């Protein structure tokens, strides 16, 4: 099987471990599910890819407490305002009582 070669590549320091990412239409924003190096703190970060200070600038960060699965992001109009909507699934870990 032949592996496709990229025409170009681009990277930036996200300051986190990226576990999943979604690039929005137009390629201006990247939404990423991230964690710290110890995989203790999880969050979703929105990066501006065409920021005047250089690409890959974090604009917003929201803690998720666990890894975000099935990350999706899209533009929607909400109450006549164009908005960025992010959805994801997260697991809630329930510990069973060993005495049961």
Protein backbone atom coordinates (compact mmCIF):
# COMPACT_ATOMS: atom_id res chain seq x y z
CA UNK A 1 0.00 0.00 0.00
CA UNK A 2 1.40 3.36 -1.02
CA UNK A 3 1.50 6.05 1.68
CA UNK A 4 0.52 9.49 0.35
CA UNK A 5 3.14 12.24 0.68
CA UNK A 6 2.07 15.65 1.97
CA UNK A 7 2.60 18.64 -0.30
CA UNK A 8 3.54 20.76 2.69
CA UNK A 9 3.58 20.47 6.46
CA UNK A 10 3.23 22.99 9.25
CA UNK A 11 3.66 22.67 12.99
CA UNK A 12 3.39 24.76 16.14
CA UNK A 13 3.97 24.24 19.86
CA UNK A 14 0.55 23.46 21.36
CA UNK A 15 2.00 23.29 24.93
CA UNK A 16 -0.15 20.18 25.46
CA UNK A 17 -0.49 16.64 24.19
CA UNK A 18 -3.13 16.70 21.44
CA UNK A 19 -5.25 13.54 21.45
CA UNK A 20 -7.80 14.57 18.81
CA UNK A 21 -8.34 17.62 16.61
CA UNK A 22 -10.80 19.11 14.15
CA UNK A 23 -10.02 21.80 11.60
CA UNK A 24 -12.98 24.07 10.87
CA UNK A 25 -14.00 24.98 7.30
CA UNK A 26 -11.80 27.77 5.99
CA UNK A 27 -8.86 26.52 8.11
CA UNK A 28 -8.90 29.57 10.40
CA UNK A 29 -9.54 27.62 13.62
CA UNK A 30 -8.42 24.30 15.03
CA UNK A 31 -10.28 22.70 17.95
CA UNK A 32 -8.26 20.16 19.92
CA UNK A 33 -8.83 17.75 22.78
CA UNK A 34 -5.67 18.06 24.88
CA UNK A 35 -4.06 16.89 28.10
CA UNK A 36 -0.95 17.69 30.09
CA UNK A 37 2.12 15.47 29.86
CA UNK A 38 0.99 13.43 32.89
CA UNK A 39 -2.46 12.88 31.35
CA UNK A 40 -4.08 14.20 34.54
CA UNK A 41 -5.68 17.41 33.25
CA UNK A 42 -7.88 17.38 30.15
CA UNK A 43 -9.31 20.29 28.17
CA UNK A 44 -10.55 21.51 24.81
CA UNK A 45 -8.60 24.37 23.23
CA UNK A 46 -9.53 26.54 20.25
CA UNK A 47 -6.46 27.66 18.29
CA UNK A 48 -6.37 30.49 15.74
CA UNK A 49 -4.40 29.24 12.76
CA UNK A 50 -3.98 32.63 11.08
CA UNK A 51 -3.36 34.90 14.07
CA UNK A 52 -1.31 38.07 13.54
CA UNK A 53 1.27 36.84 16.11
CA UNK A 54 1.76 33.64 14.14
CA UNK A 55 -0.28 30.50 13.66
CA UNK A 56 -1.36 28.18 16.43
CA UNK A 57 -2.35 30.77 19.04
CA UNK A 58 -4.70 29.48 21.78
CA UNK A 59 -7.87 31.61 22.00
CA UNK A 60 -10.00 29.65 24.47
CA UNK A 61 -9.57 26.71 26.84
CA UNK A 62 -12.27 24.73 28.63
CA UNK A 63 -11.49 21.94 31.13
CA UNK A 64 -13.27 18.65 30.41
CA UNK A 65 -12.06 16.63 33.45
CA UNK A 66 -11.68 13.52 31.23
CA UNK A 67 -10.62 12.78 27.68
CA UNK A 68 -13.01 14.16 25.04
CA UNK A 69 -14.16 11.57 22.48
CA UNK A 70 -15.87 12.08 19.11
CA UNK A 71 -14.86 15.75 18.96
CA UNK A 72 -16.87 17.82 16.48
CA UNK A 73 -16.85 21.53 15.72
CA UNK A 74 -18.83 23.60 13.24
CA UNK A 75 -20.16 27.06 12.59
CA UNK A 76 -23.83 27.61 13.44
CA UNK A 77 -26.07 30.63 13.68
CA UNK A 78 -27.57 30.92 17.16
CA UNK A 79 -30.02 33.75 17.83
CA UNK A 80 -28.76 35.54 14.72
CA UNK A 81 -25.11 35.35 15.85
CA UNK A 82 -22.61 33.28 13.93
CA UNK A 83 -21.07 30.97 16.52
CA UNK A 84 -18.52 28.22 16.85
CA UNK A 85 -20.16 25.13 18.36
CA UNK A 86 -18.09 22.30 19.85
CA UNK A 87 -19.49 18.94 20.90
CA UNK A 88 -17.84 15.90 22.40
CA UNK A 89 -18.54 12.80 24.47
CA UNK A 90 -16.82 12.10 27.76
CA UNK A 91 -16.81 9.14 30.08
CA UNK A 92 -17.90 9.36 33.67
CA UNK A 93 -15.96 6.83 35.70
CA UNK A 94 -18.09 5.18 38.33
CA UNK A 95 -16.27 3.20 40.97
CA UNK A 96 -18.07 0.16 42.27
CA UNK A 97 -18.19 -0.48 45.99
CA UNK A 98 -16.02 -3.57 46.62
CA UNK A 99 -18.42 -4.58 49.44
CA UNK A 100 -21.35 -5.13 47.08
